[in-house]
């Protein structure tokens, strides 16, 4: 007998369970909700020591905290100059025989034009989502799903990048990321 692993190669990527319901059997999840005000295992690199990626209570989708690009007390990303930064997840091992996906919520209060306030998500240095290309919704939490199945059997690091491009119109809140889950399985 044994387990038929082919099934997970043909099914749809698991969707996150609703609050209070367990994930489907055979589904595993790596959760980053930034609760406790920590980014354990994450690294960040910012052009400005006060404005950049960090954990914040300013706005959240659920819980008390979210990952935020901006200044924690000014509640904007205005430094008087161009500013930019990255936040990179710890390495996530994706099983070779399972589908995988990234689910998260994003709140953007930045310029909507694609040539300014650039925001993207990368997996192992390959861009997998970009503001303006994948979404132009501003000032509202949006649900984002990204298929990570092509990374099955590898270790993947997710990187969030923001670049204001210039020093103008940077007095809005910035970018918030919350309820981030990497799912594997059917």
C-alpha atoms as a PDB file:
ATOM      1  CA  UNK A   1       0.000   0.000   0.000  1.00  0.00           C
ATOM      2  CA  UNK A   2       1.372   3.488   0.723  1.00  0.00           C
ATOM      3  CA  UNK A   3       0.407   7.042  -0.010  1.00  0.00           C
ATOM      4  CA  UNK A   4      -0.363   8.260  -3.506  1.00  0.00           C
ATOM      5  CA  UNK A   5       1.670  11.486  -3.729  1.00  0.00           C
ATOM      6  CA  UNK A   6       0.499  12.193  -7.291  1.00  0.00           C
ATOM      7  CA  UNK A   7      -2.788  13.588  -5.971  1.00  0.00           C
ATOM      8  CA  UNK A   8      -1.101  16.700  -4.587  1.00  0.00           C
ATOM      9  CA  UNK A   9       0.469  17.369  -7.972  1.00  0.00           C
ATOM     10  CA  UNK A  10      -2.917  17.682  -9.652  1.00  0.00           C
ATOM     11  CA  UNK A  11      -5.139  19.355  -7.083  1.00  0.00           C
ATOM     12  CA  UNK A  12      -5.620  23.054  -6.511  1.00  0.00           C
ATOM     13  CA  UNK A  13      -3.337  24.814  -4.051  1.00  0.00           C
ATOM     14  CA  UNK A  14      -4.711  24.791  -0.543  1.00  0.00           C
ATOM     15  CA  UNK A  15      -6.677  27.813   0.533  1.00  0.00           C
ATOM     16  CA  UNK A  16      -6.334  29.150   4.042  1.00  0.00           C
ATOM     17  CA  UNK A  17      -8.922  28.037   6.547  1.00  0.00           C
ATOM     18  CA  UNK A  18     -11.314  30.636   7.874  1.00  0.00           C
ATOM     19  CA  UNK A  19     -10.780  31.731  11.450  1.00  0.00           C
ATOM     20  CA  UNK A  20     -11.589  28.934  13.845  1.00  0.00           C
ATOM     21  CA  UNK A  21     -11.509  26.113  11.270  1.00  0.00           C
ATOM     22  CA  UNK A  22      -8.541  23.791  10.854  1.00  0.00           C
ATOM     23  CA  UNK A  23      -6.581  23.426   7.626  1.00  0.00           C
ATOM     24  CA  UNK A  24      -7.435  20.474   5.404  1.00  0.00           C
ATOM     25  CA  UNK A  25      -5.707  17.163   6.201  1.00  0.00           C
ATOM     26  CA  UNK A  26      -2.256  17.011   4.624  1.00  0.00           C
ATOM     27  CA  UNK A  27      -1.934  20.799   4.536  1.00  0.00           C
ATOM     28  CA  UNK A  28       0.900  22.489   6.382  1.00  0.00           C
ATOM     29  CA  UNK A  29       1.279  26.194   6.976  1.00  0.00           C
ATOM     30  CA  UNK A  30       4.033  28.634   7.877  1.00  0.00           C
ATOM     31  CA  UNK A  31       2.376  31.662   9.483  1.00  0.00           C
ATOM     32  CA  UNK A  32       3.815  35.164   9.807  1.00  0.00           C
ATOM     33  CA  UNK A  33       1.358  37.378  11.656  1.00  0.00           C
ATOM     34  CA  UNK A  34       4.035  39.527  13.385  1.00  0.00           C
ATOM     35  CA  UNK A  35       2.226  39.216  16.704  1.00  0.00           C
ATOM     36  CA  UNK A  36       4.245  40.049  19.746  1.00  0.00           C
ATOM     37  CA  UNK A  37       5.821  42.877  17.766  1.00  0.00           C
ATOM     38  CA  UNK A  38       8.574  40.656  16.363  1.00  0.00           C
ATOM     39  CA  UNK A  39       9.962  39.640  12.995  1.00  0.00           C
ATOM     40  CA  UNK A  40      11.813  36.596  14.289  1.00  0.00           C
ATOM     41  CA  UNK A  41      14.187  35.325  11.606  1.00  0.00           C
ATOM     42  CA  UNK A  42      13.424  38.197   9.216  1.00  0.00           C
ATOM     43  CA  UNK A  43      16.097  40.605   8.019  1.00  0.00           C
ATOM     44  CA  UNK A  44      15.627  44.155   6.825  1.00  0.00           C
ATOM     45  CA  UNK A  45      17.749  46.667   4.987  1.00  0.00           C
ATOM     46  CA  UNK A  46      16.584  50.281   4.889  1.00  0.00           C
ATOM     47  CA  UNK A  47      18.065  53.456   3.403  1.00  0.00           C
ATOM     48  CA  UNK A  48      16.922  55.437   6.455  1.00  0.00           C
ATOM     49  CA  UNK A  49      17.366  54.243  10.036  1.00  0.00           C
ATOM     50  CA  UNK A  50      13.962  55.520  11.230  1.00  0.00           C
ATOM     51  CA  UNK A  51      11.851  54.958   8.102  1.00  0.00           C
ATOM     52  CA  UNK A  52      11.721  51.457   6.681  1.00  0.00           C
ATOM     53  CA  UNK A  53      10.420  47.942   7.353  1.00  0.00           C
ATOM     54  CA  UNK A  54       9.505  47.075  10.940  1.00  0.00           C
ATOM     55  CA  UNK A  55       6.582  45.756  13.007  1.00  0.00           C
ATOM     56  CA  UNK A  56       3.857  48.263  13.833  1.00  0.00           C
ATOM     57  CA  UNK A  57       0.594  48.636  15.720  1.00  0.00           C
ATOM     58  CA  UNK A  58      -0.462  51.546  13.463  1.00  0.00           C
ATOM     59  CA  UNK A  59      -2.677  49.413  11.219  1.00  0.00           C
ATOM     60  CA  UNK A  60      -3.382  45.694  11.152  1.00  0.00           C
ATOM     61  CA  UNK A  61      -5.688  43.288   9.365  1.00  0.00           C
ATOM     62  CA  UNK A  62      -6.048  41.030  12.391  1.00  0.00           C
ATOM     63  CA  UNK A  63      -4.379  40.757  15.770  1.00  0.00           C
ATOM     64  CA  UNK A  64      -2.354  43.688  17.059  1.00  0.00           C
ATOM     65  CA  UNK A  65       0.631  43.991  14.701  1.00  0.00           C
ATOM     66  CA  UNK A  66       1.610  44.042  11.041  1.00  0.00           C
ATOM     67  CA  UNK A  67       4.775  44.425   8.985  1.00  0.00           C
ATOM     68  CA  UNK A  68       5.034  48.100   8.015  1.00  0.00           C
ATOM     69  CA  UNK A  69       7.077  50.269   5.670  1.00  0.00           C
ATOM     70  CA  UNK A  70       7.134  53.790   7.045  1.00  0.00           C
ATOM     71  CA  UNK A  71       8.063  55.760  10.141  1.00  0.00           C
ATOM     72  CA  UNK A  72       6.474  54.321  13.323  1.00  0.00           C
ATOM     73  CA  UNK A  73       5.577  57.622  15.004  1.00  0.00           C
ATOM     74  CA  UNK A  74       5.237  59.999  12.031  1.00  0.00           C
ATOM     75  CA  UNK A  75       2.951  57.402  10.374  1.00  0.00           C
ATOM     76  CA  UNK A  76       4.276  58.194   6.897  1.00  0.00           C
ATOM     77  CA  UNK A  77       7.397  57.493   4.863  1.00  0.00           C
ATOM     78  CA  UNK A  78       8.525  61.086   4.250  1.00  0.00           C
ATOM     79  CA  UNK A  79      12.239  61.527   4.936  1.00  0.00           C
ATOM     80  CA  UNK A  80      12.757  64.568   2.708  1.00  0.00           C
ATOM     81  CA  UNK A  81      14.601  62.317   0.246  1.00  0.00           C
ATOM     82  CA  UNK A  82      14.137  59.127  -1.727  1.00  0.00           C
ATOM     83  CA  UNK A  83      13.944  56.150   0.642  1.00  0.00           C
ATOM     84  CA  UNK A  84      13.794  52.415   0.119  1.00  0.00           C
ATOM     85  CA  UNK A  85      14.132  49.124   1.922  1.00  0.00           C
ATOM     86  CA  UNK A  86      13.630  45.383   1.928  1.00  0.00           C
ATOM     87  CA  UNK A  87      12.287  42.862   4.437  1.00  0.00           C
ATOM     88  CA  UNK A  88      13.279  39.241   3.829  1.00  0.00           C
ATOM     89  CA  UNK A  89      11.690  36.177   5.413  1.00  0.00           C
ATOM     90  CA  UNK A  90      13.577  33.278   6.905  1.00  0.00           C
ATOM     91  CA  UNK A  91      14.139  30.341   4.543  1.00  0.00           C
ATOM     92  CA  UNK A  92      10.968  28.274   4.061  1.00  0.00           C
ATOM     93  CA  UNK A  93      11.415  24.644   2.973  1.00  0.00           C
ATOM     94  CA  UNK A  94       8.755  23.668   0.420  1.00  0.00           C
ATOM     95  CA  UNK A  95       8.075  19.952   0.017  1.00  0.00           C
ATOM     96  CA  UNK A  96       8.782  18.614  -3.477  1.00  0.00           C
ATOM     97  CA  UNK A  97       5.569  16.619  -3.876  1.00  0.00           C
ATOM     98  CA  UNK A  98       3.099  19.315  -2.787  1.00  0.00           C
ATOM     99  CA  UNK A  99       1.507  22.389  -4.278  1.00  0.00           C
ATOM    100  CA  UNK A 100       2.355  25.609  -2.430  1.00  0.00           C
ATOM    101  CA  UNK A 101       0.903  29.081  -2.164  1.00  0.00           C
ATOM    102  CA  UNK A 102       1.334  32.396  -0.390  1.00  0.00           C
ATOM    103  CA  UNK A 103      -1.710  34.137   1.072  1.00  0.00           C
ATOM    104  CA  UNK A 104      -1.478  37.562   2.677  1.00  0.00           C
ATOM    105  CA  UNK A 105      -3.233  40.875   3.186  1.00  0.00           C
ATOM    106  CA  UNK A 106      -1.728  44.148   1.964  1.00  0.00           C
ATOM    107  CA  UNK A 107      -2.769  47.731   2.732  1.00  0.00           C
ATOM    108  CA  UNK A 108      -1.229  50.397   0.498  1.00  0.00           C
ATOM    109  CA  UNK A 109      -1.434  54.129   1.156  1.00  0.00           C
ATOM    110  CA  UNK A 110       1.125  55.281  -1.415  1.00  0.00           C
ATOM    111  CA  UNK A 111       1.078  56.814  -4.899  1.00  0.00           C
ATOM    112  CA  UNK A 112      -0.844  54.513  -7.243  1.00  0.00           C
ATOM    113  CA  UNK A 113       1.309  55.216 -10.323  1.00  0.00           C
ATOM    114  CA  UNK A 114       3.652  52.330 -11.142  1.00  0.00           C
ATOM    115  CA  UNK A 115       6.623  54.647 -11.716  1.00  0.00           C
ATOM    116  CA  UNK A 116       6.573  55.932  -8.094  1.00  0.00           C
ATOM    117  CA  UNK A 117       6.374  54.253  -4.697  1.00  0.00           C
ATOM    118  CA  UNK A 118       7.357  50.898  -6.137  1.00  0.00           C
ATOM    119  CA  UNK A 119       6.347  47.886  -4.053  1.00  0.00           C
ATOM    120  CA  UNK A 120       6.996  44.261  -4.961  1.00  0.00           C
ATOM    121  CA  UNK A 121       7.266  40.768  -3.556  1.00  0.00           C
ATOM    122  CA  UNK A 122       9.995  38.382  -4.687  1.00  0.00           C
ATOM    123  CA  UNK A 123      10.682  34.696  -4.104  1.00  0.00           C
ATOM    124  CA  UNK A 124      14.389  33.814  -4.264  1.00  0.00           C
ATOM    125  CA  UNK A 125      15.102  37.114  -6.085  1.00  0.00           C
ATOM    126  CA  UNK A 126      12.399  36.570  -8.746  1.00  0.00           C
ATOM    127  CA  UNK A 127       9.568  39.128  -8.651  1.00  0.00           C
ATOM    128  CA  UNK A 128       6.231  37.369  -8.130  1.00  0.00           C
ATOM    129  CA  UNK A 129       3.916  40.341  -7.367  1.00  0.00           C
ATOM    130  CA  UNK A 130       4.089  44.084  -8.105  1.00  0.00           C
ATOM    131  CA  UNK A 131       1.957  47.053  -7.056  1.00  0.00           C
ATOM    132  CA  UNK A 132       0.143  48.504 -10.029  1.00  0.00           C
ATOM    133  CA  UNK A 133       0.551  45.379 -12.128  1.00  0.00           C
ATOM    134  CA  UNK A 134      -1.282  43.028  -9.769  1.00  0.00           C
ATOM    135  CA  UNK A 135      -3.348  45.610  -7.854  1.00  0.00           C
ATOM    136  CA  UNK A 136      -4.090  49.315  -7.837  1.00  0.00           C
ATOM    137  CA  UNK A 137      -6.429  49.202  -4.829  1.00  0.00           C
ATOM    138  CA  UNK A 138      -5.384  51.800  -2.265  1.00  0.00           C
ATOM    139  CA  UNK A 139      -6.422  52.459   1.341  1.00  0.00           C
ATOM    140  CA  UNK A 140      -8.110  49.091   1.735  1.00  0.00           C
ATOM    141  CA  UNK A 141      -6.882  45.661   2.815  1.00  0.00           C
ATOM    142  CA  UNK A 142      -6.553  43.478  -0.265  1.00  0.00           C
ATOM    143  CA  UNK A 143      -6.253  39.703  -0.275  1.00  0.00           C
ATOM    144  CA  UNK A 144      -3.302  38.475  -2.306  1.00  0.00           C
ATOM    145  CA  UNK A 145      -2.694  34.883  -3.399  1.00  0.00           C
ATOM    146  CA  UNK A 146       0.503  33.843  -5.163  1.00  0.00           C
ATOM    147  CA  UNK A 147       1.157  30.307  -6.427  1.00  0.00           C
ATOM    148  CA  UNK A 148       4.552  29.103  -5.181  1.00  0.00           C
ATOM    149  CA  UNK A 149       4.302  25.581  -6.617  1.00  0.00           C
ATOM    150  CA  UNK A 150       7.214  26.125  -9.007  1.00  0.00           C
ATOM    151  CA  UNK A 151       9.435  26.434  -5.910  1.00  0.00           C
ATOM    152  CA  UNK A 152       8.420  22.995  -4.576  1.00  0.00           C
ATOM    153  CA  UNK A 153      11.421  21.020  -3.403  1.00  0.00           C
ATOM    154  CA  UNK A 154      13.457  24.132  -2.624  1.00  0.00           C
ATOM    155  CA  UNK A 155      14.047  26.552   0.180  1.00  0.00           C
ATOM    156  CA  UNK A 156      12.396  29.870  -0.608  1.00  0.00           C
ATOM    157  CA  UNK A 157      12.926  33.309   0.886  1.00  0.00           C
ATOM    158  CA  UNK A 158      10.253  35.937   0.366  1.00  0.00           C
ATOM    159  CA  UNK A 159      11.387  39.555   0.008  1.00  0.00           C
ATOM    160  CA  UNK A 160       9.222  42.665   0.268  1.00  0.00           C
ATOM    161  CA  UNK A 161      10.743  45.720  -1.441  1.00  0.00           C
ATOM    162  CA  UNK A 162       9.633  49.332  -1.350  1.00  0.00           C
ATOM    163  CA  UNK A 163      11.218  52.345  -3.109  1.00  0.00           C
ATOM    164  CA  UNK A 164       9.696  55.837  -2.968  1.00  0.00           C
ATOM    165  CA  UNK A 165      11.754  56.699  -6.114  1.00  0.00           C
ATOM    166  CA  UNK A 166      11.661  60.411  -5.216  1.00  0.00           C
ATOM    167  CA  UNK A 167      11.126  62.779  -2.275  1.00  0.00           C
ATOM    168  CA  UNK A 168       7.618  63.945  -3.273  1.00  0.00           C
ATOM    169  CA  UNK A 169       4.161  62.861  -2.061  1.00  0.00           C
ATOM    170  CA  UNK A 170       5.533  60.646   0.702  1.00  0.00           C
ATOM    171  CA  UNK A 171       3.289  61.926   3.502  1.00  0.00           C
ATOM    172  CA  UNK A 172       0.739  59.105   3.347  1.00  0.00           C
ATOM    173  CA  UNK A 173       0.919  56.045   5.629  1.00  0.00           C
ATOM    174  CA  UNK A 174       2.958  53.614   3.517  1.00  0.00           C
ATOM    175  CA  UNK A 175       2.642  49.813   3.166  1.00  0.00           C
ATOM    176  CA  UNK A 176       1.277  47.257   5.649  1.00  0.00           C
ATOM    177  CA  UNK A 177       1.471  43.449   5.315  1.00  0.00           C
ATOM    178  CA  UNK A 178      -0.455  41.102   7.618  1.00  0.00           C
ATOM    179  CA  UNK A 179      -1.952  37.611   7.950  1.00  0.00           C
ATOM    180  CA  UNK A 180       0.813  36.076   5.852  1.00  0.00           C
ATOM    181  CA  UNK A 181       0.668  32.305   5.389  1.00  0.00           C
ATOM    182  CA  UNK A 182       2.657  29.954   3.169  1.00  0.00           C
ATOM    183  CA  UNK A 183       0.550  26.835   2.515  1.00  0.00           C
ATOM    184  CA  UNK A 184       1.563  23.440   1.219  1.00  0.00           C
ATOM    185  CA  UNK A 185      -0.777  20.617   0.298  1.00  0.00           C
ATOM    186  CA  UNK A 186      -4.195  19.958  -1.133  1.00  0.00           C
END
